[in-house]
């Protein structure tokens, strides 16, 4: 298949990304180097899972263009500037891998769920090292409380337990990625799903946590034709502009907000606030609401860094609206 506008170029997919070269599939060459603006990290530099147009060669290809992405997994890059870092592209499913023990953190899961839903993929939470749980069923129920309908799968990667359930989600030709902290067993899961030792496995640090072994993102093809991307462990996951993902990850709070007296309720002492009422009565976990507010602020801060003038105008408008709402609430018979 050739591009109509650029007949000398052919499509290929990035199956492993590096600093200088990319590993390719779908064309004759196994390696490709970037040209022009594609080399710049601040532009749309191709990442694993991307489809690109290349000028093919016997040994190396030249990557000339990045094709539009269907979905993408994005986090905020390290540093003070609000810059997006694309982890992987064109994903159908993202397996958020956590493990029984210290890594199991509902607030971290909420961040991952927000990011995955914002990028357009389907999240599935994998609770690995399930043999370490004292009461596994209770732990799965606890995790499910923050997933808002996203499936939760309990696995024991080294014993292959639960791998069949993961495979049920992997349709032929779909692309899935595994993300999570270091040492939670992502590489062990990859090996189980592939049926071979494709990824190096590190020993345990203490009783629970495995050693960090994956050093780059890499794509594998399963026997049924599904595609699996393994990623290095992430120490932190900063969210970018993820308002839609936040609404999806906190759908319970979004639904409560619709019941507030005022449509632009800030949930900070406003009269008739259904969200705060739910927190006060125990219907909504206070820590979950606090996490929601934290992510809201983080997203707003990133927007201010990206566009200070627009953010300042939005902030002034929000303050003006908040004053009007409070004045209306004081004058309302219900608010007295």
Protein backbone atom coordinates (compact mmCIF):
# COMPACT_ATOMS: atom_id res chain seq x y z
CA UNK A 1 0.00 0.00 0.00
CA UNK A 2 1.33 3.44 -0.98
CA UNK A 3 0.28 6.98 -0.18
CA UNK A 4 -1.66 8.69 -2.97
CA UNK A 5 0.07 12.02 -2.30
CA UNK A 6 3.50 10.54 -1.68
CA UNK A 7 3.64 7.41 -3.86
CA UNK A 8 7.20 6.56 -2.87
CA UNK A 9 6.24 6.24 0.82
CA UNK A 10 4.74 3.16 2.47
CA UNK A 11 3.03 2.77 5.88
CA UNK A 12 4.80 1.10 8.81
CA UNK A 13 4.24 0.82 12.55
CA UNK A 14 6.61 1.73 15.37
CA UNK A 15 7.17 -1.44 17.43
CA UNK A 16 9.94 -0.08 19.69
CA UNK A 17 11.15 3.48 20.08
CA UNK A 18 14.67 4.72 20.68
CA UNK A 19 16.43 8.06 20.79
CA UNK A 20 18.02 7.89 17.36
CA UNK A 21 16.19 5.09 15.59
CA UNK A 22 12.80 3.37 15.63
CA UNK A 23 12.10 -0.33 15.15
CA UNK A 24 9.51 -0.89 12.41
CA UNK A 25 7.03 -3.50 11.20
CA UNK A 26 5.07 -3.57 7.97
CA UNK A 27 7.89 -2.49 5.69
CA UNK A 28 11.08 -4.13 4.43
CA UNK A 29 13.49 -2.32 6.76
CA UNK A 30 13.59 -3.21 10.44
CA UNK A 31 14.98 0.15 11.56
CA UNK A 32 14.06 3.70 10.62
CA UNK A 33 15.46 7.13 11.41
CA UNK A 34 13.43 10.30 11.79
CA UNK A 35 13.56 13.26 9.44
CA UNK A 36 12.87 16.95 9.90
CA UNK A 37 10.49 18.08 12.63
CA UNK A 38 9.77 14.51 13.68
CA UNK A 39 13.09 14.54 15.55
CA UNK A 40 11.89 17.32 17.84
CA UNK A 41 10.46 16.09 21.15
CA UNK A 42 8.20 19.16 21.33
CA UNK A 43 6.45 18.33 18.06
CA UNK A 44 4.68 15.08 17.23
CA UNK A 45 7.61 12.74 17.59
CA UNK A 46 6.49 9.17 16.79
CA UNK A 47 6.16 6.75 19.70
CA UNK A 48 5.46 3.05 20.01
CA UNK A 49 2.16 2.09 18.40
CA UNK A 50 2.25 4.98 15.92
CA UNK A 51 1.64 4.48 12.21
CA UNK A 52 4.11 6.39 10.02
CA UNK A 53 4.95 6.84 6.35
CA UNK A 54 8.47 5.73 5.46
CA UNK A 55 10.75 5.64 2.48
CA UNK A 56 11.71 1.98 2.64
CA UNK A 57 15.16 0.49 2.21
CA UNK A 58 16.93 -2.84 2.46
CA UNK A 59 18.29 -2.25 5.97
CA UNK A 60 17.04 1.16 7.09
CA UNK A 61 14.04 3.30 6.28
CA UNK A 62 13.50 7.03 6.51
CA UNK A 63 10.47 8.06 8.59
CA UNK A 64 8.91 11.04 6.85
CA UNK A 65 5.43 11.53 8.30
CA UNK A 66 3.30 10.66 11.32
CA UNK A 67 -0.22 9.44 10.57
CA UNK A 68 -3.18 10.60 12.74
CA UNK A 69 -3.60 8.81 16.06
CA UNK A 70 -6.89 7.13 17.03
CA UNK A 71 -6.03 7.14 20.73
CA UNK A 72 -3.03 8.00 22.86
CA UNK A 73 -1.76 7.63 26.40
CA UNK A 74 -0.39 10.96 27.60
CA UNK A 75 1.19 12.10 30.84
CA UNK A 76 2.83 15.31 31.92
CA UNK A 77 6.57 15.19 31.29
CA UNK A 78 8.97 15.74 34.18
CA UNK A 79 9.94 19.35 34.80
CA UNK A 80 8.30 22.68 35.66
CA UNK A 81 6.82 23.31 32.19
CA UNK A 82 3.47 21.75 31.36
CA UNK A 83 4.58 19.59 28.43
CA UNK A 84 2.80 16.45 27.31
CA UNK A 85 4.66 13.17 26.89
CA UNK A 86 2.96 10.53 24.75
CA UNK A 87 3.66 7.07 26.17
CA UNK A 88 2.01 5.00 23.41
CA UNK A 89 -0.45 5.51 20.57
CA UNK A 90 -3.35 3.77 18.84
CA UNK A 91 -4.30 1.68 21.87
CA UNK A 92 -7.60 -0.13 22.28
CA UNK A 93 -7.02 -1.35 25.85
CA UNK A 94 -4.71 -0.26 28.66
CA UNK A 95 -4.07 -2.76 31.44
CA UNK A 96 -3.33 -0.77 34.60
CA UNK A 97 -1.19 -3.19 36.59
CA UNK A 98 -0.91 -2.83 40.34
CA UNK A 99 0.05 -5.40 42.96
CA UNK A 100 -1.08 -6.53 46.37
CA UNK A 101 0.97 -4.71 48.99
CA UNK A 102 2.45 -1.23 49.14
CA UNK A 103 1.81 -0.47 45.46
CA UNK A 104 -1.97 -0.82 45.82
CA UNK A 105 -3.06 2.81 46.01
CA UNK A 106 -6.61 3.93 45.06
CA UNK A 107 -5.43 7.50 44.41
CA UNK A 108 -2.81 6.29 41.92
CA UNK A 109 -5.41 4.10 40.19
CA UNK A 110 -7.68 7.13 39.81
CA UNK A 111 -4.87 8.99 38.06
CA UNK A 112 -4.29 6.13 35.65
CA UNK A 113 -8.01 5.76 34.94
CA UNK A 114 -8.33 9.50 34.27
CA UNK A 115 -5.40 9.39 31.84
CA UNK A 116 -6.58 6.27 29.99
CA UNK A 117 -10.16 7.46 29.55
CA UNK A 118 -8.96 10.88 28.40
CA UNK A 119 -6.83 9.26 25.72
CA UNK A 120 -9.73 7.23 24.33
CA UNK A 121 -8.69 3.69 25.29
CA UNK A 122 -10.53 1.17 27.49
CA UNK A 123 -8.99 0.66 30.96
CA UNK A 124 -8.73 -2.71 32.70
CA UNK A 125 -7.25 -2.89 36.21
CA UNK A 126 -5.00 -5.89 36.91
CA UNK A 127 -4.41 -6.76 40.56
CA UNK A 128 -1.26 -8.87 40.41
CA UNK A 129 0.43 -11.01 43.10
CA UNK A 130 -3.03 -11.97 44.34
CA UNK A 131 -1.56 -14.83 46.36
CA UNK A 132 -0.29 -12.24 48.86
CA UNK A 133 -3.81 -11.06 49.71
CA UNK A 134 -5.33 -12.14 53.02
CA UNK A 135 -8.88 -11.63 51.69
CA UNK A 136 -8.70 -11.39 47.91
CA UNK A 137 -12.44 -10.99 47.30
CA UNK A 138 -12.62 -8.06 49.72
CA UNK A 139 -9.58 -6.46 48.09
CA UNK A 140 -11.08 -6.78 44.59
CA UNK A 141 -14.30 -5.18 45.86
CA UNK A 142 -12.27 -2.35 47.39
CA UNK A 143 -10.43 -1.72 44.12
CA UNK A 144 -13.69 -1.88 42.13
CA UNK A 145 -15.06 1.02 44.20
CA UNK A 146 -12.71 3.43 42.42
CA UNK A 147 -12.80 1.95 38.89
CA UNK A 148 -16.31 3.11 37.95
CA UNK A 149 -17.15 0.00 35.96
CA UNK A 150 -13.70 -0.73 34.53
CA UNK A 151 -13.01 -4.48 34.93
CA UNK A 152 -10.76 -5.67 37.77
CA UNK A 153 -8.75 -8.86 37.19
CA UNK A 154 -6.82 -10.68 39.93
CA UNK A 155 -3.69 -12.46 38.69
CA UNK A 156 -0.63 -14.35 39.86
CA UNK A 157 1.72 -13.76 36.95
CA UNK A 158 4.40 -16.28 37.93
CA UNK A 159 1.79 -19.02 38.32
CA UNK A 160 -0.15 -18.00 35.18
CA UNK A 161 -3.31 -17.57 37.26
CA UNK A 162 -5.64 -15.04 35.69
CA UNK A 163 -3.81 -14.90 32.36
CA UNK A 164 -6.79 -16.52 30.62
CA UNK A 165 -9.05 -13.69 31.84
CA UNK A 166 -6.65 -11.12 30.41
CA UNK A 167 -6.64 -13.01 27.11
CA UNK A 168 -10.42 -12.77 27.00
CA UNK A 169 -10.01 -8.99 26.61
CA UNK A 170 -7.42 -9.31 23.84
CA UNK A 171 -9.30 -9.57 20.58
CA UNK A 172 -7.36 -10.37 17.40
CA UNK A 173 -5.69 -7.26 15.95
CA UNK A 174 -6.46 -5.09 18.98
CA UNK A 175 -3.58 -3.21 20.61
CA UNK A 176 -3.14 -3.23 24.38
CA UNK A 177 -0.51 -1.75 26.68
CA UNK A 178 0.54 -2.61 30.21
CA UNK A 179 1.32 0.34 32.48
CA UNK A 180 2.06 0.68 36.18
CA UNK A 181 4.80 1.10 38.73
CA UNK A 182 8.11 -0.74 38.63
CA UNK A 183 8.14 -4.23 40.09
CA UNK A 184 4.41 -4.98 39.89
CA UNK A 185 4.91 -7.87 37.44
CA UNK A 186 4.19 -6.39 34.01
CA UNK A 187 7.03 -8.27 32.33
CA UNK A 188 5.97 -11.53 34.00
CA UNK A 189 2.47 -11.03 32.62
CA UNK A 190 3.87 -10.40 29.14
CA UNK A 191 5.83 -13.66 29.29
CA UNK A 192 2.75 -15.60 30.44
CA UNK A 193 0.58 -14.15 27.70
CA UNK A 194 3.22 -14.85 25.04
CA UNK A 195 4.01 -18.33 26.38
CA UNK A 196 7.74 -17.62 26.29
CA UNK A 197 10.43 -15.67 28.13
CA UNK A 198 10.42 -12.53 26.00
CA UNK A 199 11.11 -10.08 28.82
CA UNK A 200 13.80 -10.29 31.49
CA UNK A 201 12.48 -10.80 35.01
CA UNK A 202 14.23 -9.32 38.04
CA UNK A 203 14.37 -10.82 41.51
CA UNK A 204 12.29 -9.59 44.40
CA UNK A 205 13.24 -6.67 46.61
CA UNK A 206 11.91 -7.83 49.96
CA UNK A 207 8.76 -9.96 49.90
CA UNK A 208 6.48 -7.99 47.59
CA UNK A 209 8.20 -5.78 45.05
CA UNK A 210 10.04 -6.99 41.98
CA UNK A 211 13.08 -5.29 40.52
CA UNK A 212 12.78 -2.87 37.61
CA UNK A 213 13.73 -4.76 34.44
CA UNK A 214 11.98 -3.17 31.44
CA UNK A 215 14.03 -0.28 30.08
CA UNK A 216 12.15 0.58 26.89
CA UNK A 217 8.69 0.27 25.38
CA UNK A 218 8.35 -2.78 23.16
CA UNK A 219 5.55 -4.33 21.09
CA UNK A 220 4.76 -8.07 20.92
CA UNK A 221 2.25 -10.06 18.86
CA UNK A 222 0.30 -12.82 20.59
CA UNK A 223 -0.74 -16.09 18.95
CA UNK A 224 -4.28 -14.86 18.32
CA UNK A 225 -3.01 -11.74 16.53
CA UNK A 226 -3.53 -9.32 19.41
CA UNK A 227 -0.76 -6.79 20.01
CA UNK A 228 0.72 -6.16 23.45
CA UNK A 229 2.97 -3.26 24.46
CA UNK A 230 5.12 -3.49 27.59
CA UNK A 231 6.27 -0.23 29.17
CA UNK A 232 8.85 0.66 31.84
CA UNK A 233 7.53 1.37 35.32
CA UNK A 234 6.45 4.94 36.05
CA UNK A 235 7.33 6.54 39.37
CA UNK A 236 4.66 9.20 38.95
CA UNK A 237 1.84 10.04 36.57
CA UNK A 238 1.10 13.72 36.11
CA UNK A 239 -2.15 14.47 34.30
CA UNK A 240 -2.43 17.05 31.53
CA UNK A 241 -5.61 18.51 30.03
CA UNK A 242 -7.87 15.64 31.05
CA UNK A 243 -11.27 17.09 31.93
CA UNK A 244 -13.23 14.43 30.05
CA UNK A 245 -11.10 11.67 31.55
CA UNK A 246 -11.65 13.15 35.01
CA UNK A 247 -15.42 13.11 34.51
CA UNK A 248 -15.24 9.47 33.42
CA UNK A 249 -12.95 8.36 36.26
CA UNK A 250 -15.11 10.17 38.82
CA UNK A 251 -18.49 9.52 37.25
CA UNK A 252 -20.05 9.16 40.70
CA UNK A 253 -19.02 12.71 41.61
CA UNK A 254 -20.08 13.99 38.17
CA UNK A 255 -23.54 12.49 38.72
CA UNK A 256 -23.81 14.01 42.19
CA UNK A 257 -22.79 17.41 40.80
CA UNK A 258 -25.82 17.32 38.50
CA UNK A 259 -27.98 17.29 41.62
CA UNK A 260 -26.46 20.48 43.04
CA UNK A 261 -28.79 23.48 43.32
CA UNK A 262 -26.62 25.55 40.99
CA UNK A 263 -25.20 24.29 37.72
CA UNK A 264 -21.83 25.96 38.32
CA UNK A 265 -21.51 24.80 41.94
CA UNK A 266 -17.87 24.84 43.06
CA UNK A 267 -18.50 22.22 45.80
CA UNK A 268 -16.79 24.45 48.33
CA UNK A 269 -19.45 25.58 50.76
CA UNK A 270 -22.08 26.45 48.13
CA UNK A 271 -25.71 26.26 49.22
CA UNK A 272 -27.49 23.14 48.05
CA UNK A 273 -24.28 21.27 47.12
CA UNK A 274 -25.14 17.60 46.66
CA UNK A 275 -21.47 16.60 46.51
CA UNK A 276 -20.60 18.03 49.93
CA UNK A 277 -23.83 16.64 51.35
CA UNK A 278 -22.79 13.17 50.19
CA UNK A 279 -19.38 13.59 51.83
CA UNK A 280 -20.99 14.73 55.08
CA UNK A 281 -23.38 11.76 55.19
CA UNK A 282 -20.74 9.20 54.18
CA UNK A 283 -22.25 8.52 50.77
CA UNK A 284 -19.07 9.77 49.12
CA UNK A 285 -15.62 8.95 50.50
CA UNK A 286 -13.93 12.16 51.65
CA UNK A 287 -10.50 11.03 50.43
CA UNK A 288 -11.92 10.27 46.99
CA UNK A 289 -13.48 13.72 46.79
CA UNK A 290 -10.18 15.27 47.91
CA UNK A 291 -8.38 13.36 45.16
CA UNK A 292 -10.91 14.66 42.62
CA UNK A 293 -10.30 18.25 43.74
CA UNK A 294 -6.51 17.71 43.58
CA UNK A 295 -6.71 16.46 40.01
CA UNK A 296 -8.99 19.35 39.06
CA UNK A 297 -6.41 21.81 40.38
CA UNK A 298 -3.57 19.98 38.64
CA UNK A 299 -5.38 20.12 35.30
CA UNK A 300 -6.18 23.83 35.78
CA UNK A 301 -2.55 24.57 36.69
CA UNK A 302 -1.33 22.89 33.51
CA UNK A 303 -3.82 24.89 31.46
CA UNK A 304 -2.51 28.11 33.03
CA UNK A 305 1.06 27.16 32.13
CA UNK A 306 0.04 26.38 28.54
CA UNK A 307 -2.03 29.53 28.01
CA UNK A 308 -1.55 32.08 30.82
CA UNK A 309 -3.76 34.78 29.24
CA UNK A 310 -6.71 32.49 28.57
CA UNK A 311 -6.35 30.88 31.99
CA UNK A 312 -6.32 34.31 33.69
CA UNK A 313 -9.51 35.32 31.87
CA UNK A 314 -11.15 32.02 32.84
CA UNK A 315 -10.09 32.49 36.46
CA UNK A 316 -11.56 36.02 36.56
CA UNK A 317 -14.79 34.78 34.98
CA UNK A 318 -14.99 31.91 37.47
CA UNK A 319 -14.49 34.25 40.44
CA UNK A 320 -17.15 36.59 39.11
CA UNK A 321 -19.56 33.71 38.63
CA UNK A 322 -18.79 32.39 42.11
CA UNK A 323 -19.56 35.79 43.67
CA UNK A 324 -22.85 35.94 41.75
CA UNK A 325 -23.78 32.44 42.86
CA UNK A 326 -23.04 33.19 46.50
CA UNK A 327 -25.04 36.43 46.33
CA UNK A 328 -27.95 34.58 44.76
CA UNK A 329 -27.76 31.93 47.44
CA UNK A 330 -27.88 34.54 50.21
CA UNK A 331 -30.92 36.20 48.65
CA UNK A 332 -32.75 32.94 48.04
CA UNK A 333 -35.33 31.92 50.66
CA UNK A 334 -33.92 28.40 50.55
CA UNK A 335 -30.46 29.68 51.31
CA UNK A 336 -31.51 31.58 54.43
